[in-house]
N, C-alpha and C. Protein backbone atom coordinates (compact mmCIF):
# COMPACT_ATOMS: atom_id res chain seq x y z
N MET A 1 0.86 -1.17 0.00
CA MET A 1 0.00 0.00 0.00
C MET A 1 0.90 1.24 0.00
N LEU A 2 0.50 2.26 -0.74
CA LEU A 2 1.31 3.47 -0.83
C LEU A 2 1.38 4.24 0.48
N VAL A 3 0.27 4.32 1.18
CA VAL A 3 0.22 5.02 2.45
C VAL A 3 -0.22 4.01 3.50
N GLU A 4 0.60 3.82 4.49
CA GLU A 4 0.28 2.85 5.54
C GLU A 4 -0.70 3.45 6.54
N THR A 5 -1.54 2.61 7.10
CA THR A 5 -2.53 3.04 8.08
C THR A 5 -1.87 3.76 9.25
N ALA A 6 -0.75 3.24 9.70
CA ALA A 6 -0.05 3.86 10.83
C ALA A 6 0.37 5.28 10.49
N GLU A 7 0.77 5.51 9.23
CA GLU A 7 1.15 6.86 8.81
C GLU A 7 -0.05 7.80 8.82
N ILE A 8 -1.17 7.31 8.35
CA ILE A 8 -2.39 8.11 8.31
C ILE A 8 -2.80 8.53 9.71
N LYS A 9 -2.69 7.61 10.65
CA LYS A 9 -3.08 7.91 12.03
C LYS A 9 -2.24 9.02 12.64
N THR A 10 -1.02 9.22 12.16
CA THR A 10 -0.15 10.25 12.72
C THR A 10 -0.35 11.62 12.08
N LEU A 11 -1.10 11.67 10.99
CA LEU A 11 -1.31 12.94 10.30
C LEU A 11 -2.22 13.86 11.12
N PRO A 12 -1.99 15.17 11.02
CA PRO A 12 -2.93 16.11 11.64
C PRO A 12 -4.28 16.02 10.92
N MET A 13 -5.35 16.40 11.59
CA MET A 13 -6.70 16.30 11.04
C MET A 13 -6.80 16.96 9.67
N GLN A 14 -6.23 18.14 9.51
CA GLN A 14 -6.32 18.85 8.23
C GLN A 14 -5.72 18.02 7.09
N GLN A 15 -4.60 17.37 7.33
CA GLN A 15 -3.98 16.55 6.30
C GLN A 15 -4.80 15.29 6.02
N LYS A 16 -5.43 14.74 7.06
CA LYS A 16 -6.31 13.58 6.85
C LYS A 16 -7.48 13.97 5.96
N LEU A 17 -8.03 15.16 6.20
CA LEU A 17 -9.16 15.63 5.38
C LEU A 17 -8.72 15.88 3.94
N GLU A 18 -7.54 16.43 3.76
CA GLU A 18 -7.01 16.65 2.42
C GLU A 18 -6.80 15.32 1.70
N LEU A 19 -6.27 14.33 2.41
CA LEU A 19 -6.07 13.01 1.83
C LEU A 19 -7.40 12.39 1.43
N LEU A 20 -8.38 12.52 2.31
CA LEU A 20 -9.72 12.01 2.02
C LEU A 20 -10.29 12.67 0.77
N GLU A 21 -10.10 13.97 0.65
CA GLU A 21 -10.59 14.70 -0.51
C GLU A 21 -9.91 14.22 -1.79
N LEU A 22 -8.60 14.00 -1.73
CA LEU A 22 -7.87 13.51 -2.90
C LEU A 22 -8.35 12.12 -3.31
N VAL A 23 -8.56 11.26 -2.33
CA VAL A 23 -9.04 9.91 -2.64
C VAL A 23 -10.45 9.98 -3.22
N SER A 24 -11.30 10.81 -2.65
CA SER A 24 -12.67 10.95 -3.16
C SER A 24 -12.68 11.44 -4.60
N GLU A 25 -11.84 12.42 -4.89
CA GLU A 25 -11.75 12.93 -6.27
C GLU A 25 -11.28 11.85 -7.22
N ALA A 26 -10.28 11.07 -6.81
CA ALA A 26 -9.77 10.00 -7.66
C ALA A 26 -10.83 8.94 -7.91
N LEU A 27 -11.60 8.61 -6.87
CA LEU A 27 -12.68 7.64 -7.05
C LEU A 27 -13.75 8.17 -7.98
N PHE A 28 -14.09 9.44 -7.84
CA PHE A 28 -15.11 10.04 -8.70
C PHE A 28 -14.67 10.04 -10.15
N GLU A 29 -13.40 10.38 -10.39
CA GLU A 29 -12.88 10.41 -11.77
C GLU A 29 -12.91 9.03 -12.40
N ASP A 30 -12.78 8.00 -11.59
CA ASP A 30 -12.75 6.63 -12.10
C ASP A 30 -14.09 5.93 -11.94
N SER A 31 -15.14 6.67 -11.60
CA SER A 31 -16.43 6.06 -11.28
C SER A 31 -17.10 5.37 -12.47
N SER A 32 -16.70 5.72 -13.69
CA SER A 32 -17.33 5.07 -14.85
C SER A 32 -16.97 3.59 -14.90
N ASN A 33 -15.89 3.20 -14.23
CA ASN A 33 -15.47 1.80 -14.20
C ASN A 33 -16.04 1.04 -13.01
N PHE A 34 -16.90 1.70 -12.27
CA PHE A 34 -17.44 1.10 -11.06
C PHE A 34 -18.94 0.91 -11.19
N GLU A 35 -19.41 -0.25 -10.81
CA GLU A 35 -20.85 -0.52 -10.82
C GLU A 35 -21.30 -0.77 -9.39
N SER A 36 -22.29 -0.03 -8.96
CA SER A 36 -22.81 -0.21 -7.61
C SER A 36 -23.40 -1.60 -7.46
N PRO A 37 -23.26 -2.19 -6.28
CA PRO A 37 -23.86 -3.52 -6.06
C PRO A 37 -25.38 -3.44 -6.04
N ASN A 38 -26.03 -4.55 -6.32
CA ASN A 38 -27.50 -4.59 -6.36
C ASN A 38 -28.13 -4.16 -5.05
N TRP A 39 -27.53 -4.54 -3.93
CA TRP A 39 -28.12 -4.19 -2.63
C TRP A 39 -28.20 -2.69 -2.46
N HIS A 40 -27.26 -1.97 -3.05
CA HIS A 40 -27.26 -0.51 -2.93
C HIS A 40 -28.47 0.08 -3.65
N LYS A 41 -28.75 -0.43 -4.82
CA LYS A 41 -29.92 0.03 -5.57
C LYS A 41 -31.20 -0.27 -4.79
N GLU A 42 -31.25 -1.44 -4.18
CA GLU A 42 -32.44 -1.81 -3.40
C GLU A 42 -32.63 -0.88 -2.21
N VAL A 43 -31.56 -0.52 -1.53
CA VAL A 43 -31.65 0.39 -0.38
C VAL A 43 -32.14 1.76 -0.84
N LEU A 44 -31.58 2.25 -1.94
CA LEU A 44 -32.00 3.56 -2.45
C LEU A 44 -33.47 3.56 -2.85
N GLU A 45 -33.91 2.49 -3.50
CA GLU A 45 -35.32 2.40 -3.90
C GLU A 45 -36.23 2.36 -2.68
N SER A 46 -35.81 1.63 -1.66
CA SER A 46 -36.59 1.54 -0.43
C SER A 46 -36.71 2.91 0.23
N ARG A 47 -35.62 3.63 0.28
CA ARG A 47 -35.65 4.97 0.88
C ARG A 47 -36.52 5.92 0.07
N GLU A 48 -36.42 5.81 -1.24
CA GLU A 48 -37.24 6.67 -2.10
C GLU A 48 -38.72 6.36 -1.89
N ASN A 49 -39.06 5.09 -1.78
CA ASN A 49 -40.45 4.70 -1.56
C ASN A 49 -40.95 5.20 -0.21
N SER A 50 -40.10 5.16 0.80
CA SER A 50 -40.54 5.62 2.13
C SER A 50 -40.80 7.12 2.14
N LEU A 51 -40.14 7.85 1.26
CA LEU A 51 -40.39 9.29 1.17
C LEU A 51 -41.79 9.58 0.64
N ARG A 52 -42.35 8.63 -0.07
CA ARG A 52 -43.69 8.80 -0.64
C ARG A 52 -44.79 8.48 0.38
N GLU A 53 -44.39 7.98 1.54
CA GLU A 53 -45.36 7.59 2.57
C GLU A 53 -45.11 8.40 3.84
N PRO A 54 -45.63 9.61 3.91
CA PRO A 54 -45.38 10.46 5.08
C PRO A 54 -45.81 9.85 6.41
N LYS A 55 -46.77 8.94 6.38
CA LYS A 55 -47.21 8.33 7.64
C LYS A 55 -46.10 7.51 8.29
N SER A 56 -45.09 7.11 7.52
CA SER A 56 -43.99 6.33 8.07
C SER A 56 -42.85 7.22 8.59
N TRP A 57 -42.98 8.52 8.41
CA TRP A 57 -41.94 9.44 8.87
C TRP A 57 -41.96 9.56 10.38
N MET A 58 -40.82 9.90 10.95
CA MET A 58 -40.72 10.14 12.39
C MET A 58 -40.61 11.64 12.63
N THR A 59 -41.13 12.06 13.74
CA THR A 59 -40.90 13.44 14.15
C THR A 59 -39.48 13.51 14.70
N LEU A 60 -38.99 14.71 14.86
CA LEU A 60 -37.66 14.89 15.42
C LEU A 60 -37.59 14.31 16.83
N GLN A 61 -38.65 14.51 17.60
CA GLN A 61 -38.69 13.97 18.96
C GLN A 61 -38.65 12.44 18.96
N GLU A 62 -39.38 11.82 18.03
CA GLU A 62 -39.38 10.36 17.94
C GLU A 62 -38.00 9.85 17.55
N LEU A 63 -37.37 10.54 16.64
CA LEU A 63 -36.03 10.15 16.21
C LEU A 63 -35.05 10.23 17.37
N LYS A 64 -35.07 11.34 18.10
CA LYS A 64 -34.19 11.49 19.25
C LYS A 64 -34.41 10.37 20.26
N LYS A 65 -35.67 10.06 20.52
CA LYS A 65 -36.01 9.01 21.47
C LYS A 65 -35.47 7.65 21.00
N SER A 66 -35.63 7.36 19.70
CA SER A 66 -35.17 6.08 19.17
C SER A 66 -33.65 5.95 19.21
N LEU A 67 -32.96 7.07 19.12
CA LEU A 67 -31.50 7.04 19.17
C LEU A 67 -30.98 6.77 20.58
N HIS A 68 -31.79 7.12 21.59
CA HIS A 68 -31.38 6.92 22.97
C HIS A 68 -31.82 5.58 23.53
N GLU A 69 -32.59 4.84 22.77
CA GLU A 69 -33.08 3.53 23.27
C GLU A 69 -32.06 2.45 23.01
């Protein structure tokens, strides 16, 4: 590997963020060679469908409560 995990851990936060940005840009540029897995499409479709059913939405208070349970 070009950059070892141990090296990344020693970087200051700003440099970690810059590295993350560089990797993200490289992945985006090469995204035409990448196909999302089927499960990802299924999750996105499920989320899109749930947006069409407001009765399944949570209020902010309900969400906060569910996060603390």
